[in-house]
Amino acid sequence: MTTTVLAYIPSPAQGVWQLGPVPLRAYALFIIAGIIAALLIGDRRWVARGGEPGVIYDVVLWAVPFGLIGGRLYHVITDWQKYFGEGGAGLVGALRIWDGGLGIWGAVALGGVGAWIACRRLGIPLPAFGDAIAPGIILAQAIGRLGNYFNQELYGR
């Protein structure tokens, strides 16, 4: 199948399902699935390097929240008109992460800062930790992109 044919596969009609009063967003589910995949791969690689099992989970408590904040900051900064331009959503709109908008570069940058903080606190060398987690992060990014498909952001020419 050529990429031209694949480009014409339309996105699903909806990316949010209601479970009672709780909205289940495909984008969020794929991001969570990506994080879980990165953790499983990273933990196995860390243990194979001689690291202590489960340390990955201690680091993620810092890296993921920092990454989410960084991803949102990057989005707001690069699309500032949407929030602070004429007729923009304002500061409250910038905080409404459930309305969409995460930038991978901000997520990686601040997620890395969170990982650095955690590694320092745990006495783990960041380069060794980064080497163990890197393939999982790449896979997590690929899984997260599937959420964009449900948001109708990845199709067409």
Protein backbone atom coordinates (compact mmCIF):
# COMPACT_ATOMS: atom_id res chain seq x y z
CA MET A 1 0.00 0.00 0.00
CA THR A 2 1.45 3.36 -0.89
CA THR A 3 1.53 6.34 1.43
CA THR A 4 -0.83 8.19 -0.90
CA VAL A 5 -3.52 5.57 -0.36
CA LEU A 6 -2.88 5.54 3.40
CA ALA A 7 -3.23 9.34 3.51
CA TYR A 8 -6.86 9.03 2.45
CA ILE A 9 -7.94 6.75 5.30
CA PRO A 10 -10.27 9.00 7.31
CA SER A 11 -10.09 9.39 11.07
CA PRO A 12 -12.84 7.94 13.23
CA ALA A 13 -15.89 10.17 13.63
CA GLN A 14 -15.35 10.52 17.36
CA GLY A 15 -12.43 10.42 19.75
CA VAL A 16 -14.32 10.82 23.04
CA TRP A 17 -16.70 8.35 24.62
CA GLN A 18 -18.80 8.95 27.71
CA LEU A 19 -18.60 6.47 30.56
CA GLY A 20 -21.43 7.96 32.60
CA PRO A 21 -20.28 11.48 33.47
CA VAL A 22 -16.62 10.69 32.70
CA PRO A 23 -15.32 11.39 29.19
CA LEU A 24 -12.83 8.81 27.89
CA ARG A 25 -10.57 10.53 25.38
CA ALA A 26 -8.71 8.40 22.86
CA TYR A 27 -5.80 10.83 22.88
CA ALA A 28 -5.35 10.48 26.65
CA LEU A 29 -5.74 6.69 26.51
CA PHE A 30 -3.02 6.41 23.88
CA ILE A 31 -0.70 8.69 25.85
CA ILE A 32 -1.25 6.54 28.94
CA ALA A 33 -0.65 3.36 26.92
CA GLY A 34 2.58 4.90 25.60
CA ILE A 35 3.76 5.76 29.09
CA ILE A 36 3.04 2.22 30.29
CA ALA A 37 4.93 0.73 27.31
CA ALA A 38 7.90 3.02 28.00
CA LEU A 39 7.91 2.01 31.65
CA LEU A 40 7.83 -1.72 30.91
CA ILE A 41 10.59 -1.49 28.33
CA GLY A 42 12.65 0.92 30.42
CA ASP A 43 12.41 -1.23 33.54
CA ARG A 44 13.54 -4.33 31.67
CA ARG A 45 16.46 -2.45 30.10
CA TRP A 46 17.42 -0.85 33.42
CA VAL A 47 17.48 -4.23 35.19
CA ALA A 48 19.48 -5.75 32.30
CA ARG A 49 22.08 -3.00 32.88
CA GLY A 50 22.34 -4.10 36.52
CA GLY A 51 19.98 -1.48 37.93
CA GLU A 52 17.51 -2.06 40.71
CA PRO A 53 14.07 -3.26 39.56
CA GLY A 54 11.31 -0.68 39.90
CA VAL A 55 13.55 2.40 39.99
CA ILE A 56 11.99 3.46 36.69
CA TYR A 57 8.68 3.89 38.49
CA ASP A 58 10.26 6.21 41.05
CA VAL A 59 11.69 8.40 38.28
CA VAL A 60 8.42 8.50 36.36
CA LEU A 61 6.72 10.17 39.33
CA TRP A 62 8.86 13.20 38.48
CA ALA A 63 9.28 12.86 34.73
CA VAL A 64 5.63 12.44 33.65
CA PRO A 65 4.13 15.42 35.51
CA PHE A 66 7.04 17.61 34.36
CA GLY A 67 6.55 16.28 30.82
CA LEU A 68 2.83 17.06 30.82
CA ILE A 69 3.45 20.58 32.07
CA GLY A 70 6.25 21.06 29.51
CA GLY A 71 4.08 19.74 26.70
CA ARG A 72 1.28 22.12 27.61
CA LEU A 73 3.63 25.09 28.00
CA TYR A 74 5.16 24.40 24.59
CA HIS A 75 1.71 24.25 23.00
CA VAL A 76 0.54 27.47 24.66
CA ILE A 77 3.75 29.31 23.72
CA THR A 78 3.69 28.15 20.09
CA ASP A 79 -0.07 28.77 19.71
CA TRP A 80 -0.23 31.82 21.98
CA GLN A 81 -2.73 33.62 19.72
CA LYS A 82 -5.31 30.94 20.50
CA TYR A 83 -5.11 31.90 24.17
CA PHE A 84 -3.82 35.46 24.41
CA GLY A 85 -4.58 36.93 20.99
CA GLU A 86 -7.71 38.86 20.07
CA GLY A 87 -10.73 36.81 21.14
CA GLY A 88 -8.44 34.18 22.70
CA ALA A 89 -9.44 31.79 25.45
CA GLY A 90 -7.28 33.58 28.04
CA LEU A 91 -5.33 32.12 30.94
CA VAL A 92 -8.17 29.81 32.00
CA GLY A 93 -8.29 28.40 28.46
CA ALA A 94 -4.53 27.87 28.53
CA LEU A 95 -4.96 25.71 31.64
CA ARG A 96 -7.72 23.55 30.13
CA ILE A 97 -5.47 20.70 29.03
CA TRP A 98 -8.48 18.47 28.31
CA ASP A 99 -9.35 20.76 25.40
CA GLY A 100 -6.21 19.55 23.65
CA GLY A 101 -2.75 20.80 22.99
CA LEU A 102 0.52 19.15 23.99
CA GLY A 103 3.83 19.77 22.26
CA ILE A 104 6.27 16.87 22.23
CA TRP A 105 9.36 19.08 22.40
CA GLY A 106 8.18 20.72 25.61
CA ALA A 107 7.21 17.36 27.03
CA VAL A 108 10.63 15.87 26.30
CA ALA A 109 12.49 18.93 27.62
CA LEU A 110 10.68 19.30 30.94
CA GLY A 111 10.22 15.53 31.27
CA GLY A 112 13.99 15.31 31.04
CA VAL A 113 14.31 17.90 33.81
CA GLY A 114 11.96 15.83 35.96
CA ALA A 115 13.99 12.70 35.26
CA TRP A 116 17.19 14.58 36.10
CA ILE A 117 15.75 15.69 39.44
CA ALA A 118 14.62 12.16 40.27
CA CYS A 119 17.94 10.62 39.23
CA ARG A 120 19.85 13.10 41.39
CA ARG A 121 17.62 12.34 44.37
CA LEU A 122 18.05 8.57 43.84
CA GLY A 123 21.80 8.73 43.10
CA ILE A 124 21.38 7.33 39.59
CA PRO A 125 23.53 8.55 36.69
CA LEU A 126 21.19 10.28 34.24
CA PRO A 127 23.05 9.14 31.08
CA ALA A 128 22.73 5.47 32.05
CA PHE A 129 19.08 5.96 32.92
CA GLY A 130 18.45 7.82 29.66
CA ASP A 131 20.06 5.02 27.69
CA ALA A 132 17.74 2.49 29.33
CA ILE A 133 14.55 4.51 28.81
CA ALA A 134 15.20 6.00 25.33
CA PRO A 135 13.73 3.17 23.19
CA GLY A 136 10.61 3.13 25.34
CA ILE A 137 10.18 6.88 24.95
CA ILE A 138 10.37 6.55 21.17
CA LEU A 139 7.73 3.80 21.25
CA ALA A 140 5.57 5.90 23.60
CA GLN A 141 5.71 8.77 21.12
CA ALA A 142 4.57 6.47 18.31
CA ILE A 143 1.70 5.11 20.40
CA GLY A 144 0.68 8.64 21.39
CA ARG A 145 0.46 9.64 17.72
CA LEU A 146 -2.41 7.17 17.35
CA GLY A 147 -4.38 9.49 19.62
CA ASN A 148 -3.92 12.24 17.01
CA TYR A 149 -5.62 9.95 14.51
CA PHE A 150 -8.71 9.87 16.74
CA ASN A 151 -8.53 13.67 17.14
CA GLN A 152 -8.71 13.94 13.34
CA GLU A 153 -5.28 15.53 13.21
CA LEU A 154 -3.42 12.93 11.13
CA TYR A 155 -5.01 12.27 7.80
CA GLY A 156 -5.38 13.62 4.31
CA ARG A 157 -2.83 15.20 2.08
